[in-house]
Amino acid sequence: MPRPTQTSDWSLFIVDEAAMPPEDPEAPPPEVPESVALFIASARMSDGAPVIAYYDRLSGDLKLARFDLQNNIFLDPVVVDGGDGSDVGWYPSVVVDGSDVIHLSYVDAGR
């Protein structure tokens, strides 16, 4: 819908989720919360399907999720970088070129 005007014009999709670890109420808030789906960036494929990149703080990974227009679902996210105990994926940017190649840039927090 090009101009949503009511709640029913929107669709909600949960792409990734995890329980957040308990926080000490006496401690100062963390600089970066212990959570998934931080620093979200999005773009669209040539067919209009969204693609999102985000940082998973719990595992220290950069993840990417693509939308399947035919089935109207987000496919399972894939780890693009990380997965080896490193801490990567801060502040991602995502661009899709004319050939539907996805390009990512991000910060490696460990370096």
PDB file of N, CA and C in Angstrom:
ATOM      1  N   MET A   1       0.847  -1.165   0.000  1.00  0.00           N
ATOM      2  CA  MET A   1       0.000   0.000   0.000  1.00  0.00           C
ATOM      3  C   MET A   1       0.898   1.235   0.000  1.00  0.00           C
ATOM      4  N   PRO A   2       0.756   2.102  -0.993  1.00  0.00           N
ATOM      5  CA  PRO A   2       1.645   3.255  -1.088  1.00  0.00           C
ATOM      6  C   PRO A   2       1.461   4.289   0.024  1.00  0.00           C
ATOM      7  N   ARG A   3       0.242   4.449   0.520  1.00  0.00           N
ATOM      8  CA  ARG A   3      -0.014   5.431   1.585  1.00  0.00           C
ATOM      9  C   ARG A   3      -0.898   4.811   2.666  1.00  0.00           C
ATOM     10  N   PRO A   4      -0.269   4.116   3.606  1.00  0.00           N
ATOM     11  CA  PRO A   4      -1.081   3.506   4.667  1.00  0.00           C
ATOM     12  C   PRO A   4      -1.781   4.580   5.493  1.00  0.00           C
ATOM     13  N   THR A   5      -3.034   4.319   5.808  1.00  0.00           N
ATOM     14  CA  THR A   5      -3.816   5.298   6.571  1.00  0.00           C
ATOM     15  C   THR A   5      -4.405   4.718   7.848  1.00  0.00           C
ATOM     16  N   GLN A   6      -4.342   3.395   8.003  1.00  0.00           N
ATOM     17  CA  GLN A   6      -4.892   2.784   9.207  1.00  0.00           C
ATOM     18  C   GLN A   6      -4.055   1.565   9.604  1.00  0.00           C
ATOM     19  N   THR A   7      -4.267   1.106  10.802  1.00  0.00           N
ATOM     20  CA  THR A   7      -3.486  -0.002  11.343  1.00  0.00           C
ATOM     21  C   THR A   7      -3.534  -1.236  10.445  1.00  0.00           C
ATOM     22  N   SER A   8      -4.663  -1.527   9.869  1.00  0.00           N
ATOM     23  CA  SER A   8      -4.799  -2.739   9.055  1.00  0.00           C
ATOM     24  C   SER A   8      -4.023  -2.664   7.742  1.00  0.00           C
ATOM     25  N   ASP A   9      -3.485  -1.499   7.401  1.00  0.00           N
ATOM     26  CA  ASP A   9      -2.682  -1.345   6.184  1.00  0.00           C
ATOM     27  C   ASP A   9      -1.249  -1.847   6.377  1.00  0.00           C
ATOM     28  N   TRP A  10      -0.880  -2.175   7.614  1.00  0.00           N
ATOM     29  CA  TRP A  10       0.474  -2.589   7.941  1.00  0.00           C
ATOM     30  C   TRP A  10       0.528  -4.083   8.209  1.00  0.00           C
ATOM     31  N   SER A  11       1.683  -4.680   7.982  1.00  0.00           N
ATOM     32  CA  SER A  11       1.934  -6.075   8.336  1.00  0.00           C
ATOM     33  C   SER A  11       3.117  -6.110   9.298  1.00  0.00           C
ATOM     34  N   LEU A  12       3.035  -6.965  10.303  1.00  0.00           N
ATOM     35  CA  LEU A  12       4.093  -7.106  11.296  1.00  0.00           C
ATOM     36  C   LEU A  12       4.799  -8.440  11.069  1.00  0.00           C
ATOM     37  N   PHE A  13       6.123  -8.386  10.993  1.00  0.00           N
ATOM     38  CA  PHE A  13       6.929  -9.596  10.823  1.00  0.00           C
ATOM     39  C   PHE A  13       7.993  -9.619  11.906  1.00  0.00           C
ATOM     40  N   ILE A  14       8.145 -10.738  12.570  1.00  0.00           N
ATOM     41  CA  ILE A  14       9.232 -10.924  13.524  1.00  0.00           C
ATOM     42  C   ILE A  14      10.331 -11.676  12.788  1.00  0.00           C
ATOM     43  N   VAL A  15      11.464 -11.022  12.612  1.00  0.00           N
ATOM     44  CA  VAL A  15      12.567 -11.577  11.834  1.00  0.00           C
ATOM     45  C   VAL A  15      13.512 -12.380  12.712  1.00  0.00           C
ATOM     46  N   ASP A  16      13.748 -11.911  13.923  1.00  0.00           N
ATOM     47  CA  ASP A  16      14.675 -12.567  14.844  1.00  0.00           C
ATOM     48  C   ASP A  16      14.265 -12.173  16.251  1.00  0.00           C
ATOM     49  N   GLU A  17      14.467 -13.051  17.193  1.00  0.00           N
ATOM     50  CA  GLU A  17      14.131 -12.721  18.572  1.00  0.00           C
ATOM     51  C   GLU A  17      14.953 -13.565  19.530  1.00  0.00           C
ATOM     52  N   ALA A  18      15.146 -13.036  20.716  1.00  0.00           N
ATOM     53  CA  ALA A  18      15.864 -13.741  21.769  1.00  0.00           C
ATOM     54  C   ALA A  18      15.521 -13.081  23.095  1.00  0.00           C
ATOM     55  N   ALA A  19      15.556 -13.865  24.151  1.00  0.00           N
ATOM     56  CA  ALA A  19      15.329 -13.313  25.484  1.00  0.00           C
ATOM     57  C   ALA A  19      16.541 -12.476  25.883  1.00  0.00           C
ATOM     58  N   MET A  20      16.267 -11.310  26.428  1.00  0.00           N
ATOM     59  CA  MET A  20      17.361 -10.458  26.901  1.00  0.00           C
ATOM     60  C   MET A  20      17.798 -10.933  28.283  1.00  0.00           C
ATOM     61  N   PRO A  21      19.103 -10.917  28.532  1.00  0.00           N
ATOM     62  CA  PRO A  21      19.570 -11.299  29.871  1.00  0.00           C
ATOM     63  C   PRO A  21      19.108 -10.273  30.911  1.00  0.00           C
ATOM     64  N   PRO A  22      18.910 -10.708  32.146  1.00  0.00           N
ATOM     65  CA  PRO A  22      18.474  -9.760  33.179  1.00  0.00           C
ATOM     66  C   PRO A  22      19.540  -8.695  33.424  1.00  0.00           C
ATOM     67  N   GLU A  23      19.052  -7.499  33.735  1.00  0.00           N
ATOM     68  CA  GLU A  23      19.973  -6.390  34.025  1.00  0.00           C
ATOM     69  C   GLU A  23      19.911  -6.042  35.504  1.00  0.00           C
ATOM     70  N   ASP A  24      21.015  -5.573  36.012  1.00  0.00           N
ATOM     71  CA  ASP A  24      21.084  -5.102  37.387  1.00  0.00           C
ATOM     72  C   ASP A  24      20.451  -3.718  37.444  1.00  0.00           C
ATOM     73  N   PRO A  25      19.355  -3.545  38.191  1.00  0.00           N
ATOM     74  CA  PRO A  25      18.689  -2.239  38.231  1.00  0.00           C
ATOM     75  C   PRO A  25      19.545  -1.145  38.868  1.00  0.00           C
ATOM     76  N   GLU A  26      20.572  -1.543  39.597  1.00  0.00           N
ATOM     77  CA  GLU A  26      21.458  -0.571  40.235  1.00  0.00           C
ATOM     78  C   GLU A  26      22.614  -0.148  39.321  1.00  0.00           C
ATOM     79  N   ALA A  27      22.866  -0.921  38.284  1.00  0.00           N
ATOM     80  CA  ALA A  27      23.988  -0.629  37.382  1.00  0.00           C
ATOM     81  C   ALA A  27      23.583   0.434  36.367  1.00  0.00           C
ATOM     82  N   PRO A  28      24.545   1.208  35.889  1.00  0.00           N
ATOM     83  CA  PRO A  28      24.219   2.174  34.840  1.00  0.00           C
ATOM     84  C   PRO A  28      23.802   1.430  33.565  1.00  0.00           C
ATOM     85  N   PRO A  29      23.005   2.057  32.726  1.00  0.00           N
ATOM     86  CA  PRO A  29      22.583   1.369  31.496  1.00  0.00           C
ATOM     87  C   PRO A  29      23.782   1.076  30.601  1.00  0.00           C
ATOM     88  N   PRO A  30      23.742  -0.042  29.889  1.00  0.00           N
ATOM     89  CA  PRO A  30      24.863  -0.375  29.003  1.00  0.00           C
ATOM     90  C   PRO A  30      24.916   0.565  27.813  1.00  0.00           C
ATOM     91  N   GLU A  31      26.113   0.750  27.265  1.00  0.00           N
ATOM     92  CA  GLU A  31      26.241   1.592  26.074  1.00  0.00           C
ATOM     93  C   GLU A  31      25.465   1.006  24.914  1.00  0.00           C
ATOM     94  N   VAL A  32      25.527  -0.320  24.782  1.00  0.00           N
ATOM     95  CA  VAL A  32      24.782  -1.035  23.744  1.00  0.00           C
ATOM     96  C   VAL A  32      24.012  -2.146  24.439  1.00  0.00           C
ATOM     97  N   PRO A  33      22.683  -2.171  24.295  1.00  0.00           N
ATOM     98  CA  PRO A  33      21.903  -3.201  24.993  1.00  0.00           C
ATOM     99  C   PRO A  33      22.244  -4.617  24.532  1.00  0.00           C
ATOM    100  N   GLU A  34      22.102  -5.563  25.437  1.00  0.00           N
ATOM    101  CA  GLU A  34      22.286  -6.977  25.111  1.00  0.00           C
ATOM    102  C   GLU A  34      21.009  -7.455  24.435  1.00  0.00           C
ATOM    103  N   SER A  35      20.974  -7.342  23.112  1.00  0.00           N
ATOM    104  CA  SER A  35      19.755  -7.622  22.369  1.00  0.00           C
ATOM    105  C   SER A  35      20.094  -8.023  20.937  1.00  0.00           C
ATOM    106  N   VAL A  36      19.091  -8.458  20.205  1.00  0.00           N
ATOM    107  CA  VAL A  36      19.243  -8.723  18.771  1.00  0.00           C
ATOM    108  C   VAL A  36      18.598  -7.572  18.005  1.00  0.00           C
ATOM    109  N   ALA A  37      18.925  -7.500  16.735  1.00  0.00           N
ATOM    110  CA  ALA A  37      18.314  -6.522  15.824  1.00  0.00           C
ATOM    111  C   ALA A  37      18.602  -5.071  16.214  1.00  0.00           C
ATOM    112  N   LEU A  38      19.858  -4.799  16.480  1.00  0.00           N
ATOM    113  CA  LEU A  38      20.281  -3.423  16.734  1.00  0.00           C
ATOM    114  C   LEU A  38      20.850  -2.824  15.445  1.00  0.00           C
ATOM    115  N   PHE A  39      20.794  -1.526  15.317  1.00  0.00           N
ATOM    116  CA  PHE A  39      21.368  -0.799  14.181  1.00  0.00           C
ATOM    117  C   PHE A  39      20.824  -1.320  12.849  1.00  0.00           C
ATOM    118  N   ILE A  40      19.517  -1.381  12.705  1.00  0.00           N
ATOM    119  CA  ILE A  40      18.879  -1.962  11.517  1.00  0.00           C
ATOM    120  C   ILE A  40      19.050  -1.057  10.302  1.00  0.00           C
ATOM    121  N   ALA A  41      19.395  -1.676   9.181  1.00  0.00           N
ATOM    122  CA  ALA A  41      19.477  -0.984   7.890  1.00  0.00           C
ATOM    123  C   ALA A  41      18.659  -1.795   6.890  1.00  0.00           C
ATOM    124  N   SER A  42      18.032  -1.118   5.940  1.00  0.00           N
ATOM    125  CA  SER A  42      17.201  -1.846   4.975  1.00  0.00           C
ATOM    126  C   SER A  42      17.364  -1.277   3.569  1.00  0.00           C
ATOM    127  N   ALA A  43      17.037  -2.125   2.616  1.00  0.00           N
ATOM    128  CA  ALA A  43      17.044  -1.743   1.196  1.00  0.00           C
ATOM    129  C   ALA A  43      16.013  -2.639   0.513  1.00  0.00           C
ATOM    130  N   ARG A  44      15.855  -2.460  -0.788  1.00  0.00           N
ATOM    131  CA  ARG A  44      14.899  -3.282  -1.537  1.00  0.00           C
ATOM    132  C   ARG A  44      15.578  -3.898  -2.750  1.00  0.00           C
ATOM    133  N   MET A  45      15.186  -5.143  -3.014  1.00  0.00           N
ATOM    134  CA  MET A  45      15.626  -5.832  -4.214  1.00  0.00           C
ATOM    135  C   MET A  45      14.868  -5.233  -5.404  1.00  0.00           C
ATOM    136  N   SER A  46      15.243  -5.595  -6.624  1.00  0.00           N
ATOM    137  CA  SER A  46      14.593  -5.014  -7.799  1.00  0.00           C
ATOM    138  C   SER A  46      13.108  -5.350  -7.880  1.00  0.00           C
ATOM    139  N   ASP A  47      12.685  -6.462  -7.269  1.00  0.00           N
ATOM    140  CA  ASP A  47      11.267  -6.824  -7.275  1.00  0.00           C
ATOM    141  C   ASP A  47      10.481  -6.164  -6.141  1.00  0.00           C
ATOM    142  N   GLY A  48      11.164  -5.322  -5.344  1.00  0.00           N
ATOM    143  CA  GLY A  48      10.518  -4.621  -4.239  1.00  0.00           C
ATOM    144  C   GLY A  48      10.621  -5.322  -2.906  1.00  0.00           C
ATOM    145  N   ALA A  49      11.151  -6.536  -2.886  1.00  0.00           N
ATOM    146  CA  ALA A  49      11.278  -7.282  -1.630  1.00  0.00           C
ATOM    147  C   ALA A  49      12.318  -6.618  -0.727  1.00  0.00           C
ATOM    148  N   PRO A  50      11.967  -6.398   0.538  1.00  0.00           N
ATOM    149  CA  PRO A  50      12.941  -5.804   1.446  1.00  0.00           C
ATOM    150  C   PRO A  50      14.036  -6.784   1.851  1.00  0.00           C
ATOM    151  N   VAL A  51      15.166  -6.224   2.170  1.00  0.00           N
ATOM    152  CA  VAL A  51      16.287  -6.956   2.746  1.00  0.00           C
ATOM    153  C   VAL A  51      16.767  -6.107   3.916  1.00  0.00           C
ATOM    154  N   ILE A  52      17.030  -6.741   5.057  1.00  0.00           N
ATOM    155  CA  ILE A  52      17.484  -5.985   6.221  1.00  0.00           C
ATOM    156  C   ILE A  52      18.787  -6.563   6.753  1.00  0.00           C
ATOM    157  N   ALA A  53      19.630  -5.682   7.215  1.00  0.00           N
ATOM    158  CA  ALA A  53      20.880  -6.050   7.874  1.00  0.00           C
ATOM    159  C   ALA A  53      20.819  -5.489   9.283  1.00  0.00           C
ATOM    160  N   TYR A  54      21.365  -6.241  10.233  1.00  0.00           N
ATOM    161  CA  TYR A  54      21.328  -5.767  11.613  1.00  0.00           C
ATOM    162  C   TYR A  54      22.416  -6.447  12.432  1.00  0.00           C
ATOM    163  N   TYR A  55      22.675  -5.851  13.572  1.00  0.00           N
ATOM    164  CA  TYR A  55      23.679  -6.347  14.506  1.00  0.00           C
ATOM    165  C   TYR A  55      23.000  -7.155  15.594  1.00  0.00           C
ATOM    166  N   ASP A  56      23.486  -8.357  15.845  1.00  0.00           N
ATOM    167  CA  ASP A  56      23.014  -9.211  16.931  1.00  0.00           C
ATOM    168  C   ASP A  56      24.035  -9.118  18.052  1.00  0.00           C
ATOM    169  N   ARG A  57      23.748  -8.302  19.043  1.00  0.00           N
ATOM    170  CA  ARG A  57      24.674  -8.068  20.156  1.00  0.00           C
ATOM    171  C   ARG A  57      24.918  -9.337  20.971  1.00  0.00           C
ATOM    172  N   LEU A  58      23.886 -10.175  21.111  1.00  0.00           N
ATOM    173  CA  LEU A  58      24.031 -11.373  21.935  1.00  0.00           C
ATOM    174  C   LEU A  58      25.096 -12.322  21.402  1.00  0.00           C
ATOM    175  N   SER A  59      25.215 -12.407  20.086  1.00  0.00           N
ATOM    176  CA  SER A  59      26.219 -13.303  19.504  1.00  0.00           C
ATOM    177  C   SER A  59      27.359 -12.550  18.835  1.00  0.00           C
ATOM    178  N   GLY A  60      27.255 -11.218  18.749  1.00  0.00           N
ATOM    179  CA  GLY A  60      28.315 -10.423  18.127  1.00  0.00           C
ATOM    180  C   GLY A  60      28.383 -10.606  16.622  1.00  0.00           C
ATOM    181  N   ASP A  61      27.230 -10.824  15.976  1.00  0.00           N
ATOM    182  CA  ASP A  61      27.199 -11.132  14.546  1.00  0.00           C
ATOM    183  C   ASP A  61      26.480 -10.057  13.723  1.00  0.00           C
ATOM    184  N   LEU A  62      26.890  -9.946  12.473  1.00  0.00           N
ATOM    185  CA  LEU A  62      26.146  -9.182  11.478  1.00  0.00           C
ATOM    186  C   LEU A  62      25.216 -10.173  10.790  1.00  0.00           C
ATOM    187  N   LYS A  63      23.916  -9.870  10.771  1.00  0.00           N
ATOM    188  CA  LYS A  63      22.939 -10.772  10.155  1.00  0.00           C
ATOM    189  C   LYS A  63      22.206 -10.063   9.020  1.00  0.00           C
ATOM    190  N   LEU A  64      21.717 -10.879   8.097  1.00  0.00           N
ATOM    191  CA  LEU A  64      20.974 -10.389   6.945  1.00  0.00           C
ATOM    192  C   LEU A  64      19.729 -11.252   6.774  1.00  0.00           C
ATOM    193  N   ALA A  65      18.587 -10.609   6.551  1.00  0.00           N
ATOM    194  CA  ALA A  65      17.344 -11.337   6.303  1.00  0.00           C
ATOM    195  C   ALA A  65      16.703 -10.791   5.034  1.00  0.00           C
ATOM    196  N   ARG A  66      16.291 -11.699   4.169  1.00  0.00           N
ATOM    197  CA  ARG A  66      15.625 -11.339   2.911  1.00  0.00           C
ATOM    198  C   ARG A  66      14.159 -11.735   2.991  1.00  0.00           C
ATOM    199  N   PHE A  67      13.333 -10.970   2.297  1.00  0.00           N
ATOM    200  CA  PHE A  67      11.897 -11.235   2.271  1.00  0.00           C
ATOM    201  C   PHE A  67      11.541 -12.049   1.044  1.00  0.00           C
ATOM    202  N   ASP A  68      10.709 -13.060   1.239  1.00  0.00           N
ATOM    203  CA  ASP A  68      10.217 -13.910   0.153  1.00  0.00           C
ATOM    204  C   ASP A  68       8.829 -13.401  -0.229  1.00  0.00           C
ATOM    205  N   LEU A  69       8.737 -12.673  -1.346  1.00  0.00           N
ATOM    206  CA  LEU A  69       7.463 -12.091  -1.774  1.00  0.00           C
ATOM    207  C   LEU A  69       6.419 -13.161  -2.086  1.00  0.00           C
ATOM    208  N   GLN A  70       6.848 -14.262  -2.662  1.00  0.00           N
ATOM    209  CA  GLN A  70       5.912 -15.302  -3.067  1.00  0.00           C
ATOM    210  C   GLN A  70       5.180 -15.897  -1.860  1.00  0.00           C
ATOM    211  N   ASN A  71       5.900 -16.085  -0.764  1.00  0.00           N
ATOM    212  CA  ASN A  71       5.312 -16.685   0.435  1.00  0.00           C
ATOM    213  C   ASN A  71       4.977 -15.667   1.524  1.00  0.00           C
ATOM    214  N   ASN A  72       5.279 -14.392   1.278  1.00  0.00           N
ATOM    215  CA  ASN A  72       4.986 -13.298   2.203  1.00  0.00           C
ATOM    216  C   ASN A  72       5.593 -13.531   3.591  1.00  0.00           C
ATOM    217  N   ILE A  73       6.876 -13.928   3.593  1.00  0.00           N
ATOM    218  CA  ILE A  73       7.592 -14.170   4.854  1.00  0.00           C
ATOM    219  C   ILE A  73       9.041 -13.687   4.723  1.00  0.00           C
ATOM    220  N   PHE A  74       9.641 -13.388   5.865  1.00  0.00           N
ATOM    221  CA  PHE A  74      11.085 -13.191   5.899  1.00  0.00           C
ATOM    222  C   PHE A  74      11.726 -14.561   6.032  1.00  0.00           C
ATOM    223  N   LEU A  75      12.735 -14.811   5.224  1.00  0.00           N
ATOM    224  CA  LEU A  75      13.497 -16.050   5.339  1.00  0.00           C
ATOM    225  C   LEU A  75      14.339 -15.985   6.612  1.00  0.00           C
ATOM    226  N   ASP A  76      14.776 -17.119   7.101  1.00  0.00           N
ATOM    227  CA  ASP A  76      15.605 -17.128   8.299  1.00  0.00           C
ATOM    228  C   ASP A  76      16.831 -16.254   8.084  1.00  0.00           C
ATOM    229  N   PRO A  77      17.183 -15.445   9.090  1.00  0.00           N
ATOM    230  CA  PRO A  77      18.379 -14.612   8.958  1.00  0.00           C
ATOM    231  C   PRO A  77      19.634 -15.467   8.827  1.00  0.00           C
ATOM    232  N   VAL A  78      20.601 -14.940   8.094  1.00  0.00           N
ATOM    233  CA  VAL A  78      21.887 -15.615   7.948  1.00  0.00           C
ATOM    234  C   VAL A  78      22.976 -14.743   8.571  1.00  0.00           C
ATOM    235  N   VAL A  79      23.963 -15.403   9.145  1.00  0.00           N
ATOM    236  CA  VAL A  79      25.113 -14.687   9.695  1.00  0.00           C
ATOM    237  C   VAL A  79      26.037 -14.364   8.523  1.00  0.00           C
ATOM    238  N   VAL A  80      26.249 -13.072   8.297  1.00  0.00           N
ATOM    239  CA  VAL A  80      27.114 -12.624   7.209  1.00  0.00           C
ATOM    240  C   VAL A  80      28.564 -12.560   7.682  1.00  0.00           C
ATOM    241  N   ASP A  81      28.756 -12.114   8.906  1.00  0.00           N
ATOM    242  CA  ASP A  81      30.091 -12.059   9.492  1.00  0.00           C
ATOM    243  C   ASP A  81      29.939 -12.265  10.989  1.00  0.00           C
ATOM    244  N   GLY A  82      30.965 -12.787  11.599  1.00  0.00           N
ATOM    245  CA  GLY A  82      30.916 -13.142  13.010  1.00  0.00           C
ATOM    246  C   GLY A  82      30.793 -14.649  13.112  1.00  0.00           C
ATOM    247  N   GLY A  83      30.072 -15.103  14.089  1.00  0.00           N
ATOM    248  CA  GLY A  83      29.886 -16.539  14.254  1.00  0.00           C
ATOM    249  C   GLY A  83      31.117 -17.262  14.766  1.00  0.00           C
ATOM    250  N   ASP A  84      32.162 -16.516  15.022  1.00  0.00           N
ATOM    251  CA  ASP A  84      33.409 -17.135  15.463  1.00  0.00           C
ATOM    252  C   ASP A  84      33.893 -16.548  16.786  1.00  0.00           C
ATOM    253  N   GLY A  85      32.986 -15.883  17.493  1.00  0.00           N
ATOM    254  CA  GLY A  85      33.364 -15.270  18.760  1.00  0.00           C
ATOM    255  C   GLY A  85      33.818 -13.840  18.628  1.00  0.00           C
ATOM    256  N   SER A  86      33.958 -13.346  17.402  1.00  0.00           N
ATOM    257  CA  SER A  86      34.334 -11.941  17.207  1.00  0.00           C
ATOM    258  C   SER A  86      33.101 -11.060  17.413  1.00  0.00           C
ATOM    259  N   ASP A  87      33.280  -9.773  17.416  1.00  0.00           N
ATOM    260  CA  ASP A  87      32.173  -8.825  17.612  1.00  0.00           C
ATOM    261  C   ASP A  87      32.121  -7.904  16.402  1.00  0.00           C
ATOM    262  N   VAL A  88      31.286  -8.241  15.439  1.00  0.00           N
ATOM    263  CA  VAL A  88      31.195  -7.475  14.193  1.00  0.00           C
ATOM    264  C   VAL A  88      29.747  -7.136  13.885  1.00  0.00           C
ATOM    265  N   GLY A  89      29.555  -6.134  13.050  1.00  0.00           N
ATOM    266  CA  GLY A  89      28.223  -5.806  12.576  1.00  0.00           C
ATOM    267  C   GLY A  89      27.648  -4.498  13.072  1.00  0.00           C
ATOM    268  N   TRP A  90      28.424  -3.716  13.803  1.00  0.00           N
ATOM    269  CA  TRP A  90      27.910  -2.438  14.289  1.00  0.00           C
ATOM    270  C   TRP A  90      27.643  -1.506  13.105  1.00  0.00           C
ATOM    271  N   TYR A  91      26.570  -0.751  13.201  1.00  0.00           N
ATOM    272  CA  TYR A  91      26.200   0.318  12.245  1.00  0.00           C
ATOM    273  C   TYR A  91      26.218  -0.146  10.788  1.00  0.00           C
ATOM    274  N   PRO A  92      25.480  -1.197  10.447  1.00  0.00           N
ATOM    275  CA  PRO A  92      25.504  -1.665   9.057  1.00  0.00           C
ATOM    276  C   PRO A  92      24.810  -0.700   8.105  1.00  0.00           C
ATOM    277  N   SER A  93      25.252  -0.737   6.879  1.00  0.00           N
ATOM    278  CA  SER A  93      24.581  -0.084   5.754  1.00  0.00           C
ATOM    279  C   SER A  93      24.403  -1.157   4.700  1.00  0.00           C
ATOM    280  N   VAL A  94      23.276  -1.126   4.012  1.00  0.00           N
ATOM    281  CA  VAL A  94      23.009  -2.115   2.973  1.00  0.00           C
ATOM    282  C   VAL A  94      22.506  -1.404   1.727  1.00  0.00           C
ATOM    283  N   VAL A  95      23.026  -1.843   0.587  1.00  0.00           N
ATOM    284  CA  VAL A  95      22.622  -1.319  -0.720  1.00  0.00           C
ATOM    285  C   VAL A  95      22.471  -2.511  -1.649  1.00  0.00           C
ATOM    286  N   VAL A  96      21.454  -2.455  -2.507  1.00  0.00           N
ATOM    287  CA  VAL A  96      21.255  -3.488  -3.516  1.00  0.00           C
ATOM    288  C   VAL A  96      21.477  -2.838  -4.876  1.00  0.00           C
ATOM    289  N   ASP A  97      22.391  -3.398  -5.669  1.00  0.00           N
ATOM    290  CA  ASP A  97      22.668  -2.789  -6.975  1.00  0.00           C
ATOM    291  C   ASP A  97      21.672  -3.277  -8.032  1.00  0.00           C
ATOM    292  N   GLY A  98      21.816  -2.797  -9.249  1.00  0.00           N
ATOM    293  CA  GLY A  98      20.903  -3.109 -10.335  1.00  0.00           C
ATOM    294  C   GLY A  98      20.856  -4.573 -10.721  1.00  0.00           C
ATOM    295  N   SER A  99      21.850  -5.339 -10.299  1.00  0.00           N
ATOM    296  CA  SER A  99      21.880  -6.780 -10.572  1.00  0.00           C
ATOM    297  C   SER A  99      21.420  -7.601  -9.370  1.00  0.00           C
ATOM    298  N   ASP A 100      20.824  -6.937  -8.390  1.00  0.00           N
ATOM    299  CA  ASP A 100      20.348  -7.556  -7.148  1.00  0.00           C
ATOM    300  C   ASP A 100      21.471  -8.157  -6.308  1.00  0.00           C
ATOM    301  N   VAL A 101      22.669  -7.604  -6.421  1.00  0.00           N
ATOM    302  CA  VAL A 101      23.765  -7.998  -5.549  1.00  0.00           C
ATOM    303  C   VAL A 101      23.692  -7.105  -4.311  1.00  0.00           C
ATOM    304  N   ILE A 102      23.724  -7.732  -3.156  1.00  0.00           N
ATOM    305  CA  ILE A 102      23.638  -7.001  -1.890  1.00  0.00           C
ATOM    306  C   ILE A 102      25.042  -6.615  -1.447  1.00  0.00           C
ATOM    307  N   HIS A 103      25.217  -5.332  -1.124  1.00  0.00           N
ATOM    308  CA  HIS A 103      26.497  -4.812  -0.644  1.00  0.00           C
ATOM    309  C   HIS A 103      26.305  -4.311   0.785  1.00  0.00           C
ATOM    310  N   LEU A 104      27.232  -4.685   1.661  1.00  0.00           N
ATOM    311  CA  LEU A 104      27.158  -4.302   3.067  1.00  0.00           C
ATOM    312  C   LEU A 104      28.439  -3.593   3.499  1.00  0.00           C
ATOM    313  N   SER A 105      28.263  -2.633   4.389  1.00  0.00           N
ATOM    314  CA  SER A 105      29.404  -2.071   5.105  1.00  0.00           C
ATOM    315  C   SER A 105      29.002  -2.033   6.577  1.00  0.00           C
ATOM    316  N   TYR A 106      30.002  -2.149   7.463  1.00  0.00           N
ATOM    317  CA  TYR A 106      29.714  -2.202   8.891  1.00  0.00           C
ATOM    318  C   TYR A 106      31.012  -2.035   9.660  1.00  0.00           C
ATOM    319  N   VAL A 107      30.896  -1.909  10.961  1.00  0.00           N
ATOM    320  CA  VAL A 107      32.050  -1.717  11.827  1.00  0.00           C
ATOM    321  C   VAL A 107      32.368  -3.028  12.541  1.00  0.00           C
ATOM    322  N   ASP A 108      33.641  -3.372  12.558  1.00  0.00           N
ATOM    323  CA  ASP A 108      34.129  -4.501  13.339  1.00  0.00           C
ATOM    324  C   ASP A 108      34.488  -3.925  14.711  1.00  0.00           C
ATOM    325  N   ALA A 109      33.653  -4.206  15.705  1.00  0.00           N
ATOM    326  CA  ALA A 109      33.821  -3.613  17.037  1.00  0.00           C
ATOM    327  C   ALA A 109      35.065  -4.122  17.752  1.00  0.00           C
ATOM    328  N   GLY A 110      35.644  -5.201  17.287  1.00  0.00           N
ATOM    329  CA  GLY A 110      36.831  -5.745  17.927  1.00  0.00           C
ATOM    330  C   GLY A 110      38.118  -5.122  17.454  1.00  0.00           C
ATOM    331  N   ARG A 111      38.028  -4.251  16.438  1.00  0.00           N
ATOM    332  CA  ARG A 111      39.244  -3.638  15.890  1.00  0.00           C
ATOM    333  C   ARG A 111      39.122  -2.153  15.848  1.00  0.00           C
TER     334      ARG A 111
END
